[in-house]
Amino acid sequence: MSGTETGARTAVRAVIAGRVQGVWYRGWTVEQATARGLSGWVRNRSDGAVEALFAGPADRVASMLAACRGGPPMAVVRSVETEPAADPGPGVFAQRATV
């Protein structure tokens, strides 16, 4: 895809494990991703992890992934596993239902 002044677009799927449910992790993720102008989604998983897809300028996605390693104040992040994903294109960042 074509780049922007802040870098080429990229998309990454992340699975965040630890104490990340019941601590406002999804709401925090929506706020953080929206502030960075990213598109994608976040949802809880039935295994206790949080899963997200971040898409946008590469530097902003990297910044979001770095933030995910800390999370909101009550979270205890044990790991953030990532893999490349298909870019959904520009749009909003949304919270999805648990899977």
PDB file of N, CA and C in Angstrom:
ATOM      1  N   MET A   1       0.835  -1.191   0.000  1.00  0.00           N
ATOM      2  CA  MET A   1       0.000   0.000   0.000  1.00  0.00           C
ATOM      3  C   MET A   1       0.871   1.243   0.000  1.00  0.00           C
ATOM      4  N   SER A   2       0.291   2.326  -0.382  1.00  0.00           N
ATOM      5  CA  SER A   2       1.049   3.568  -0.397  1.00  0.00           C
ATOM      6  C   SER A   2       1.272   4.065   1.024  1.00  0.00           C
ATOM      7  N   GLY A   3       2.347   4.772   1.221  1.00  0.00           N
ATOM      8  CA  GLY A   3       2.672   5.279   2.538  1.00  0.00           C
ATOM      9  C   GLY A   3       2.043   6.638   2.802  1.00  0.00           C
ATOM     10  N   THR A   4       2.190   7.086   4.027  1.00  0.00           N
ATOM     11  CA  THR A   4       1.759   8.419   4.412  1.00  0.00           C
ATOM     12  C   THR A   4       2.982   9.148   4.941  1.00  0.00           C
ATOM     13  N   GLU A   5       2.789  10.376   5.365  1.00  0.00           N
ATOM     14  CA  GLU A   5       3.929  11.116   5.875  1.00  0.00           C
ATOM     15  C   GLU A   5       4.500  10.490   7.145  1.00  0.00           C
ATOM     16  N   THR A   6       3.742   9.612   7.810  1.00  0.00           N
ATOM     17  CA  THR A   6       4.226   8.980   9.033  1.00  0.00           C
ATOM     18  C   THR A   6       4.629   7.533   8.798  1.00  0.00           C
ATOM     19  N   GLY A   7       4.694   7.082   7.558  1.00  0.00           N
ATOM     20  CA  GLY A   7       5.167   5.738   7.269  1.00  0.00           C
ATOM     21  C   GLY A   7       4.177   4.916   6.486  1.00  0.00           C
ATOM     22  N   ALA A   8       4.660   3.817   5.920  1.00  0.00           N
ATOM     23  CA  ALA A   8       3.817   2.919   5.145  1.00  0.00           C
ATOM     24  C   ALA A   8       2.821   2.215   6.058  1.00  0.00           C
ATOM     25  N   ARG A   9       1.665   1.861   5.507  1.00  0.00           N
ATOM     26  CA  ARG A   9       0.649   1.151   6.294  1.00  0.00           C
ATOM     27  C   ARG A   9       1.076  -0.293   6.528  1.00  0.00           C
ATOM     28  N   THR A  10       0.692  -0.770   7.684  1.00  0.00           N
ATOM     29  CA  THR A  10       0.915  -2.167   8.038  1.00  0.00           C
ATOM     30  C   THR A  10      -0.254  -2.623   8.888  1.00  0.00           C
ATOM     31  N   ALA A  11      -0.407  -3.920   9.029  1.00  0.00           N
ATOM     32  CA  ALA A  11      -1.449  -4.476   9.892  1.00  0.00           C
ATOM     33  C   ALA A  11      -0.861  -5.638  10.670  1.00  0.00           C
ATOM     34  N   VAL A  12      -1.202  -5.694  11.954  1.00  0.00           N
ATOM     35  CA  VAL A  12      -0.670  -6.715  12.848  1.00  0.00           C
ATOM     36  C   VAL A  12      -1.793  -7.231  13.734  1.00  0.00           C
ATOM     37  N   ARG A  13      -1.865  -8.549  13.874  1.00  0.00           N
ATOM     38  CA  ARG A  13      -2.780  -9.173  14.830  1.00  0.00           C
ATOM     39  C   ARG A  13      -1.977  -9.452  16.084  1.00  0.00           C
ATOM     40  N   ALA A  14      -2.523  -9.073  17.232  1.00  0.00           N
ATOM     41  CA  ALA A  14      -1.831  -9.268  18.506  1.00  0.00           C
ATOM     42  C   ALA A  14      -2.714 -10.049  19.467  1.00  0.00           C
ATOM     43  N   VAL A  15      -2.091 -10.940  20.229  1.00  0.00           N
ATOM     44  CA  VAL A  15      -2.768 -11.653  21.306  1.00  0.00           C
ATOM     45  C   VAL A  15      -2.044 -11.274  22.593  1.00  0.00           C
ATOM     46  N   ILE A  16      -2.784 -10.644  23.504  1.00  0.00           N
ATOM     47  CA  ILE A  16      -2.214 -10.150  24.754  1.00  0.00           C
ATOM     48  C   ILE A  16      -2.680 -11.059  25.879  1.00  0.00           C
ATOM     49  N   ALA A  17      -1.736 -11.642  26.617  1.00  0.00           N
ATOM     50  CA  ALA A  17      -2.064 -12.572  27.697  1.00  0.00           C
ATOM     51  C   ALA A  17      -1.623 -12.002  29.033  1.00  0.00           C
ATOM     52  N   GLY A  18      -2.265 -12.471  30.083  1.00  0.00           N
ATOM     53  CA  GLY A  18      -1.986 -12.029  31.440  1.00  0.00           C
ATOM     54  C   GLY A  18      -3.294 -11.687  32.113  1.00  0.00           C
ATOM     55  N   ARG A  19      -3.253 -10.748  33.058  1.00  0.00           N
ATOM     56  CA  ARG A  19      -4.500 -10.269  33.670  1.00  0.00           C
ATOM     57  C   ARG A  19      -4.965  -9.092  32.813  1.00  0.00           C
ATOM     58  N   VAL A  20      -5.714  -9.431  31.756  1.00  0.00           N
ATOM     59  CA  VAL A  20      -6.110  -8.425  30.780  1.00  0.00           C
ATOM     60  C   VAL A  20      -7.625  -8.367  30.552  1.00  0.00           C
ATOM     61  N   GLN A  21      -8.369  -9.204  31.246  1.00  0.00           N
ATOM     62  CA  GLN A  21      -9.826  -9.116  31.185  1.00  0.00           C
ATOM     63  C   GLN A  21     -10.333  -8.639  32.535  1.00  0.00           C
ATOM     64  N   GLY A  22     -11.379  -7.814  32.507  1.00  0.00           N
ATOM     65  CA  GLY A  22     -11.925  -7.264  33.740  1.00  0.00           C
ATOM     66  C   GLY A  22     -11.114  -6.106  34.296  1.00  0.00           C
ATOM     67  N   VAL A  23     -10.195  -5.562  33.493  1.00  0.00           N
ATOM     68  CA  VAL A  23      -9.355  -4.447  33.936  1.00  0.00           C
ATOM     69  C   VAL A  23      -9.426  -3.267  32.956  1.00  0.00           C
ATOM     70  N   TRP A  24     -10.451  -3.244  32.112  1.00  0.00           N
ATOM     71  CA  TRP A  24     -10.701  -2.184  31.146  1.00  0.00           C
ATOM     72  C   TRP A  24      -9.674  -2.178  30.011  1.00  0.00           C
ATOM     73  N   TYR A  25      -9.099  -3.337  29.719  1.00  0.00           N
ATOM     74  CA  TYR A  25      -8.087  -3.402  28.660  1.00  0.00           C
ATOM     75  C   TYR A  25      -8.676  -3.067  27.296  1.00  0.00           C
ATOM     76  N   ARG A  26      -9.855  -3.598  26.971  1.00  0.00           N
ATOM     77  CA  ARG A  26     -10.446  -3.320  25.649  1.00  0.00           C
ATOM     78  C   ARG A  26     -10.783  -1.844  25.485  1.00  0.00           C
ATOM     79  N   GLY A  27     -11.399  -1.240  26.484  1.00  0.00           N
ATOM     80  CA  GLY A  27     -11.737   0.183  26.405  1.00  0.00           C
ATOM     81  C   GLY A  27     -10.501   1.049  26.265  1.00  0.00           C
ATOM     82  N   TRP A  28      -9.477   0.707  27.034  1.00  0.00           N
ATOM     83  CA  TRP A  28      -8.193   1.420  26.945  1.00  0.00           C
ATOM     84  C   TRP A  28      -7.607   1.272  25.548  1.00  0.00           C
ATOM     85  N   THR A  29      -7.679   0.059  24.983  1.00  0.00           N
ATOM     86  CA  THR A  29      -7.137  -0.195  23.649  1.00  0.00           C
ATOM     87  C   THR A  29      -7.854   0.641  22.600  1.00  0.00           C
ATOM     88  N   VAL A  30      -9.178   0.725  22.694  1.00  0.00           N
ATOM     89  CA  VAL A  30      -9.943   1.556  21.751  1.00  0.00           C
ATOM     90  C   VAL A  30      -9.473   3.005  21.838  1.00  0.00           C
ATOM     91  N   GLU A  31      -9.329   3.523  23.050  1.00  0.00           N
ATOM     92  CA  GLU A  31      -8.876   4.913  23.223  1.00  0.00           C
ATOM     93  C   GLU A  31      -7.479   5.120  22.636  1.00  0.00           C
ATOM     94  N   GLN A  32      -6.559   4.221  22.960  1.00  0.00           N
ATOM     95  CA  GLN A  32      -5.177   4.355  22.505  1.00  0.00           C
ATOM     96  C   GLN A  32      -5.059   4.236  20.985  1.00  0.00           C
ATOM     97  N   ALA A  33      -5.743   3.256  20.404  1.00  0.00           N
ATOM     98  CA  ALA A  33      -5.674   3.050  18.955  1.00  0.00           C
ATOM     99  C   ALA A  33      -6.329   4.210  18.208  1.00  0.00           C
ATOM    100  N   THR A  34      -7.447   4.700  18.724  1.00  0.00           N
ATOM    101  CA  THR A  34      -8.131   5.834  18.103  1.00  0.00           C
ATOM    102  C   THR A  34      -7.255   7.075  18.150  1.00  0.00           C
ATOM    103  N   ALA A  35      -6.589   7.305  19.276  1.00  0.00           N
ATOM    104  CA  ALA A  35      -5.699   8.462  19.416  1.00  0.00           C
ATOM    105  C   ALA A  35      -4.547   8.401  18.415  1.00  0.00           C
ATOM    106  N   ARG A  36      -4.153   7.187  18.029  1.00  0.00           N
ATOM    107  CA  ARG A  36      -3.067   7.020  17.060  1.00  0.00           C
ATOM    108  C   ARG A  36      -3.576   6.980  15.621  1.00  0.00           C
ATOM    109  N   GLY A  37      -4.890   7.079  15.439  1.00  0.00           N
ATOM    110  CA  GLY A  37      -5.461   7.068  14.091  1.00  0.00           C
ATOM    111  C   GLY A  37      -5.450   5.698  13.439  1.00  0.00           C
ATOM    112  N   LEU A  38      -5.467   4.634  14.244  1.00  0.00           N
ATOM    113  CA  LEU A  38      -5.434   3.281  13.703  1.00  0.00           C
ATOM    114  C   LEU A  38      -6.834   2.757  13.416  1.00  0.00           C
ATOM    115  N   SER A  39      -6.930   1.826  12.489  1.00  0.00           N
ATOM    116  CA  SER A  39      -8.176   1.098  12.274  1.00  0.00           C
ATOM    117  C   SER A  39      -7.975  -0.315  12.785  1.00  0.00           C
ATOM    118  N   GLY A  40      -9.085  -1.038  12.958  1.00  0.00           N
ATOM    119  CA  GLY A  40      -9.014  -2.413  13.426  1.00  0.00           C
ATOM    120  C   GLY A  40     -10.031  -2.684  14.504  1.00  0.00           C
ATOM    121  N   TRP A  41      -9.682  -3.617  15.403  1.00  0.00           N
ATOM    122  CA  TRP A  41     -10.625  -4.041  16.435  1.00  0.00           C
ATOM    123  C   TRP A  41      -9.889  -4.686  17.600  1.00  0.00           C
ATOM    124  N   VAL A  42     -10.642  -4.856  18.712  1.00  0.00           N
ATOM    125  CA  VAL A  42     -10.144  -5.545  19.896  1.00  0.00           C
ATOM    126  C   VAL A  42     -11.300  -6.348  20.471  1.00  0.00           C
ATOM    127  N   ARG A  43     -10.980  -7.534  21.036  1.00  0.00           N
ATOM    128  CA  ARG A  43     -12.009  -8.372  21.650  1.00  0.00           C
ATOM    129  C   ARG A  43     -11.380  -9.280  22.703  1.00  0.00           C
ATOM    130  N   ASN A  44     -12.213  -9.686  23.666  1.00  0.00           N
ATOM    131  CA  ASN A  44     -11.796 -10.695  24.621  1.00  0.00           C
ATOM    132  C   ASN A  44     -11.891 -12.058  23.953  1.00  0.00           C
ATOM    133  N   ARG A  45     -11.056 -12.981  24.417  1.00  0.00           N
ATOM    134  CA  ARG A  45     -11.130 -14.364  23.956  1.00  0.00           C
ATOM    135  C   ARG A  45     -11.555 -15.245  25.122  1.00  0.00           C
ATOM    136  N   SER A  46     -12.190 -16.345  24.816  1.00  0.00           N
ATOM    137  CA  SER A  46     -12.671 -17.239  25.865  1.00  0.00           C
ATOM    138  C   SER A  46     -11.541 -17.863  26.679  1.00  0.00           C
ATOM    139  N   ASP A  47     -10.309 -17.827  26.172  1.00  0.00           N
ATOM    140  CA  ASP A  47      -9.167 -18.373  26.911  1.00  0.00           C
ATOM    141  C   ASP A  47      -8.560 -17.370  27.896  1.00  0.00           C
ATOM    142  N   GLY A  48      -9.169 -16.190  28.033  1.00  0.00           N
ATOM    143  CA  GLY A  48      -8.693 -15.182  28.980  1.00  0.00           C
ATOM    144  C   GLY A  48      -7.773 -14.133  28.387  1.00  0.00           C
ATOM    145  N   ALA A  49      -7.388 -14.307  27.137  1.00  0.00           N
ATOM    146  CA  ALA A  49      -6.524 -13.326  26.464  1.00  0.00           C
ATOM    147  C   ALA A  49      -7.375 -12.244  25.806  1.00  0.00           C
ATOM    148  N   VAL A  50      -6.702 -11.215  25.330  1.00  0.00           N
ATOM    149  CA  VAL A  50      -7.312 -10.167  24.508  1.00  0.00           C
ATOM    150  C   VAL A  50      -6.649 -10.246  23.144  1.00  0.00           C
ATOM    151  N   GLU A  51      -7.451 -10.147  22.091  1.00  0.00           N
ATOM    152  CA  GLU A  51      -6.950 -10.202  20.724  1.00  0.00           C
ATOM    153  C   GLU A  51      -7.277  -8.884  20.031  1.00  0.00           C
ATOM    154  N   ALA A  52      -6.361  -8.394  19.221  1.00  0.00           N
ATOM    155  CA  ALA A  52      -6.585  -7.126  18.524  1.00  0.00           C
ATOM    156  C   ALA A  52      -5.950  -7.156  17.144  1.00  0.00           C
ATOM    157  N   LEU A  53      -6.500  -6.351  16.264  1.00  0.00           N
ATOM    158  CA  LEU A  53      -5.930  -6.115  14.938  1.00  0.00           C
ATOM    159  C   LEU A  53      -5.689  -4.621  14.834  1.00  0.00           C
ATOM    160  N   PHE A  54      -4.435  -4.245  14.639  1.00  0.00           N
ATOM    161  CA  PHE A  54      -4.056  -2.844  14.507  1.00  0.00           C
ATOM    162  C   PHE A  54      -3.592  -2.593  13.082  1.00  0.00           C
ATOM    163  N   ALA A  55      -4.125  -1.566  12.432  1.00  0.00           N
ATOM    164  CA  ALA A  55      -3.723  -1.247  11.062  1.00  0.00           C
ATOM    165  C   ALA A  55      -3.554   0.256  10.919  1.00  0.00           C
ATOM    166  N   GLY A  56      -2.491   0.634  10.207  1.00  0.00           N
ATOM    167  CA  GLY A  56      -2.224   2.044   9.974  1.00  0.00           C
ATOM    168  C   GLY A  56      -0.755   2.242   9.658  1.00  0.00           C
ATOM    169  N   PRO A  57      -0.284   3.476   9.766  1.00  0.00           N
ATOM    170  CA  PRO A  57       1.134   3.743   9.521  1.00  0.00           C
ATOM    171  C   PRO A  57       1.997   2.871  10.436  1.00  0.00           C
ATOM    172  N   ALA A  58       3.055   2.309   9.876  1.00  0.00           N
ATOM    173  CA  ALA A  58       3.890   1.350  10.608  1.00  0.00           C
ATOM    174  C   ALA A  58       4.392   1.890  11.942  1.00  0.00           C
ATOM    175  N   ASP A  59       4.788   3.154  11.993  1.00  0.00           N
ATOM    176  CA  ASP A  59       5.312   3.697  13.244  1.00  0.00           C
ATOM    177  C   ASP A  59       4.239   3.800  14.315  1.00  0.00           C
ATOM    178  N   ARG A  60       3.007   4.069  13.930  1.00  0.00           N
ATOM    179  CA  ARG A  60       1.914   4.158  14.903  1.00  0.00           C
ATOM    180  C   ARG A  60       1.497   2.779  15.397  1.00  0.00           C
ATOM    181  N   VAL A  61       1.528   1.785  14.504  1.00  0.00           N
ATOM    182  CA  VAL A  61       1.241   0.409  14.922  1.00  0.00           C
ATOM    183  C   VAL A  61       2.302  -0.050  15.916  1.00  0.00           C
ATOM    184  N   ALA A  62       3.564   0.245  15.638  1.00  0.00           N
ATOM    185  CA  ALA A  62       4.652  -0.116  16.556  1.00  0.00           C
ATOM    186  C   ALA A  62       4.474   0.567  17.908  1.00  0.00           C
ATOM    187  N   SER A  63       4.060   1.826  17.900  1.00  0.00           N
ATOM    188  CA  SER A  63       3.807   2.552  19.135  1.00  0.00           C
ATOM    189  C   SER A  63       2.670   1.903  19.923  1.00  0.00           C
ATOM    190  N   MET A  64       1.630   1.463  19.235  1.00  0.00           N
ATOM    191  CA  MET A  64       0.493   0.823  19.888  1.00  0.00           C
ATOM    192  C   MET A  64       0.910  -0.505  20.506  1.00  0.00           C
ATOM    193  N   LEU A  65       1.703  -1.286  19.781  1.00  0.00           N
ATOM    194  CA  LEU A  65       2.164  -2.567  20.319  1.00  0.00           C
ATOM    195  C   LEU A  65       3.023  -2.361  21.563  1.00  0.00           C
ATOM    196  N   ALA A  66       3.854  -1.326  21.551  1.00  0.00           N
ATOM    197  CA  ALA A  66       4.673  -1.013  22.726  1.00  0.00           C
ATOM    198  C   ALA A  66       3.766  -0.657  23.908  1.00  0.00           C
ATOM    199  N   ALA A  67       2.720   0.119  23.658  1.00  0.00           N
ATOM    200  CA  ALA A  67       1.785   0.493  24.716  1.00  0.00           C
ATOM    201  C   ALA A  67       1.054  -0.733  25.261  1.00  0.00           C
ATOM    202  N   CYS A  68       0.731  -1.683  24.392  1.00  0.00           N
ATOM    203  CA  CYS A  68       0.024  -2.896  24.813  1.00  0.00           C
ATOM    204  C   CYS A  68       0.830  -3.716  25.806  1.00  0.00           C
ATOM    205  N   ARG A  69       2.135  -3.604  25.774  1.00  0.00           N
ATOM    206  CA  ARG A  69       2.981  -4.363  26.696  1.00  0.00           C
ATOM    207  C   ARG A  69       2.818  -3.870  28.133  1.00  0.00           C
ATOM    208  N   GLY A  70       2.300  -2.657  28.276  1.00  0.00           N
ATOM    209  CA  GLY A  70       2.015  -2.123  29.608  1.00  0.00           C
ATOM    210  C   GLY A  70       0.533  -2.192  29.924  1.00  0.00           C
ATOM    211  N   GLY A  71      -0.279  -1.713  28.984  1.00  0.00           N
ATOM    212  CA  GLY A  71      -1.726  -1.727  29.165  1.00  0.00           C
ATOM    213  C   GLY A  71      -2.206  -0.696  30.162  1.00  0.00           C
ATOM    214  N   PRO A  72      -3.496  -0.762  30.509  1.00  0.00           N
ATOM    215  CA  PRO A  72      -4.048   0.167  31.489  1.00  0.00           C
ATOM    216  C   PRO A  72      -3.521  -0.152  32.890  1.00  0.00           C
ATOM    217  N   PRO A  73      -3.718   0.749  33.853  1.00  0.00           N
ATOM    218  CA  PRO A  73      -3.113   0.596  35.179  1.00  0.00           C
ATOM    219  C   PRO A  73      -3.370  -0.732  35.890  1.00  0.00           C
ATOM    220  N   MET A  74      -4.553  -1.318  35.796  1.00  0.00           N
ATOM    221  CA  MET A  74      -4.871  -2.545  36.532  1.00  0.00           C
ATOM    222  C   MET A  74      -4.426  -3.817  35.808  1.00  0.00           C
ATOM    223  N   ALA A  75      -3.963  -3.703  34.576  1.00  0.00           N
ATOM    224  CA  ALA A  75      -3.562  -4.886  33.803  1.00  0.00           C
ATOM    225  C   ALA A  75      -2.187  -5.381  34.231  1.00  0.00           C
ATOM    226  N   VAL A  76      -1.990  -6.688  34.074  1.00  0.00           N
ATOM    227  CA  VAL A  76      -0.684  -7.304  34.247  1.00  0.00           C
ATOM    228  C   VAL A  76      -0.443  -8.110  32.969  1.00  0.00           C
ATOM    229  N   VAL A  77       0.329  -7.538  32.057  1.00  0.00           N
ATOM    230  CA  VAL A  77       0.563  -8.166  30.759  1.00  0.00           C
ATOM    231  C   VAL A  77       1.734  -9.138  30.875  1.00  0.00           C
ATOM    232  N   ARG A  78       1.466 -10.391  30.524  1.00  0.00           N
ATOM    233  CA  ARG A  78       2.492 -11.431  30.560  1.00  0.00           C
ATOM    234  C   ARG A  78       3.189 -11.558  29.211  1.00  0.00           C
ATOM    235  N   SER A  79       2.416 -11.415  28.124  1.00  0.00           N
ATOM    236  CA  SER A  79       3.018 -11.534  26.792  1.00  0.00           C
ATOM    237  C   SER A  79       2.153 -10.832  25.754  1.00  0.00           C
ATOM    238  N   VAL A  80       2.807 -10.410  24.676  1.00  0.00           N
ATOM    239  CA  VAL A  80       2.133  -9.858  23.500  1.00  0.00           C
ATOM    240  C   VAL A  80       2.722 -10.590  22.298  1.00  0.00           C
ATOM    241  N   GLU A  81       1.935 -11.484  21.727  1.00  0.00           N
ATOM    242  CA  GLU A  81       2.369 -12.232  20.550  1.00  0.00           C
ATOM    243  C   GLU A  81       1.770 -11.572  19.323  1.00  0.00           C
ATOM    244  N   THR A  82       2.575 -11.398  18.283  1.00  0.00           N
ATOM    245  CA  THR A  82       2.093 -10.705  17.085  1.00  0.00           C
ATOM    246  C   THR A  82       2.364 -11.525  15.833  1.00  0.00           C
ATOM    247  N   GLU A  83       1.550 -11.240  14.813  1.00  0.00           N
ATOM    248  CA  GLU A  83       1.763 -11.814  13.490  1.00  0.00           C
ATOM    249  C   GLU A  83       1.205 -10.855  12.461  1.00  0.00           C
ATOM    250  N   PRO A  84       1.766 -10.846  11.253  1.00  0.00           N
ATOM    251  CA  PRO A  84       1.234  -9.975  10.203  1.00  0.00           C
ATOM    252  C   PRO A  84      -0.225 -10.330   9.915  1.00  0.00           C
ATOM    253  N   ALA A  85      -0.979  -9.329   9.501  1.00  0.00           N
ATOM    254  CA  ALA A  85      -2.403  -9.530   9.192  1.00  0.00           C
ATOM    255  C   ALA A  85      -2.761  -8.754   7.937  1.00  0.00           C
ATOM    256  N   ALA A  86      -3.909  -9.077   7.365  1.00  0.00           N
ATOM    257  CA  ALA A  86      -4.413  -8.337   6.210  1.00  0.00           C
ATOM    258  C   ALA A  86      -4.906  -6.968   6.679  1.00  0.00           C
ATOM    259  N   ASP A  87      -4.537  -5.942   5.962  1.00  0.00           N
ATOM    260  CA  ASP A  87      -4.951  -4.570   6.290  1.00  0.00           C
ATOM    261  C   ASP A  87      -6.414  -4.383   5.911  1.00  0.00           C
ATOM    262  N   PRO A  88      -7.275  -4.061   6.894  1.00  0.00           N
ATOM    263  CA  PRO A  88      -8.683  -3.840   6.576  1.00  0.00           C
ATOM    264  C   PRO A  88      -8.930  -2.495   5.900  1.00  0.00           C
ATOM    265  N   GLY A  89      -7.890  -1.680   5.766  1.00  0.00           N
ATOM    266  CA  GLY A  89      -8.035  -0.360   5.174  1.00  0.00           C
ATOM    267  C   GLY A  89      -8.412   0.669   6.219  1.00  0.00           C
ATOM    268  N   PRO A  90      -8.474   1.922   5.813  1.00  0.00           N
ATOM    269  CA  PRO A  90      -8.823   2.986   6.757  1.00  0.00           C
ATOM    270  C   PRO A  90     -10.223   2.769   7.323  1.00  0.00           C
ATOM    271  N   GLY A  91     -10.412   3.250   8.515  1.00  0.00           N
ATOM    272  CA  GLY A  91     -11.723   3.124   9.163  1.00  0.00           C
ATOM    273  C   GLY A  91     -11.588   3.394  10.645  1.00  0.00           C
ATOM    274  N   VAL A  92     -12.560   2.916  11.398  1.00  0.00           N
ATOM    275  CA  VAL A  92     -12.569   3.143  12.829  1.00  0.00           C
ATOM    276  C   VAL A  92     -11.915   1.975  13.541  1.00  0.00           C
ATOM    277  N   PHE A  93     -11.632   2.179  14.810  1.00  0.00           N
ATOM    278  CA  PHE A  93     -11.147   1.102  15.667  1.00  0.00           C
ATOM    279  C   PHE A  93     -12.294   0.759  16.592  1.00  0.00           C
ATOM    280  N   ALA A  94     -12.719  -0.515  16.600  1.00  0.00           N
ATOM    281  CA  ALA A  94     -13.929  -0.910  17.308  1.00  0.00           C
ATOM    282  C   ALA A  94     -13.677  -2.025  18.319  1.00  0.00           C
ATOM    283  N   GLN A  95     -14.557  -2.093  19.281  1.00  0.00           N
ATOM    284  CA  GLN A  95     -14.557  -3.195  20.246  1.00  0.00           C
ATOM    285  C   GLN A  95     -15.534  -4.251  19.735  1.00  0.00           C
ATOM    286  N   ARG A  96     -15.102  -5.505  19.703  1.00  0.00           N
ATOM    287  CA  ARG A  96     -15.937  -6.603  19.219  1.00  0.00           C
ATOM    288  C   ARG A  96     -16.333  -7.519  20.373  1.00  0.00           C
ATOM    289  N   ALA A  97     -17.308  -8.374  20.105  1.00  0.00           N
ATOM    290  CA  ALA A  97     -17.771  -9.332  21.095  1.00  0.00           C
ATOM    291  C   ALA A  97     -16.714 -10.407  21.352  1.00  0.00           C
ATOM    292  N   THR A  98     -16.787 -11.023  22.520  1.00  0.00           N
ATOM    293  CA  THR A  98     -15.894 -12.108  22.900  1.00  0.00           C
ATOM    294  C   THR A  98     -16.043 -13.302  21.968  1.00  0.00           C
ATOM    295  N   VAL A  99     -14.920 -13.947  21.679  1.00  0.00           N
ATOM    296  CA  VAL A  99     -14.943 -15.183  20.873  1.00  0.00           C
ATOM    297  C   VAL A  99     -14.354 -16.327  21.678  1.00  0.00           C
TER     298      VAL A  99
END
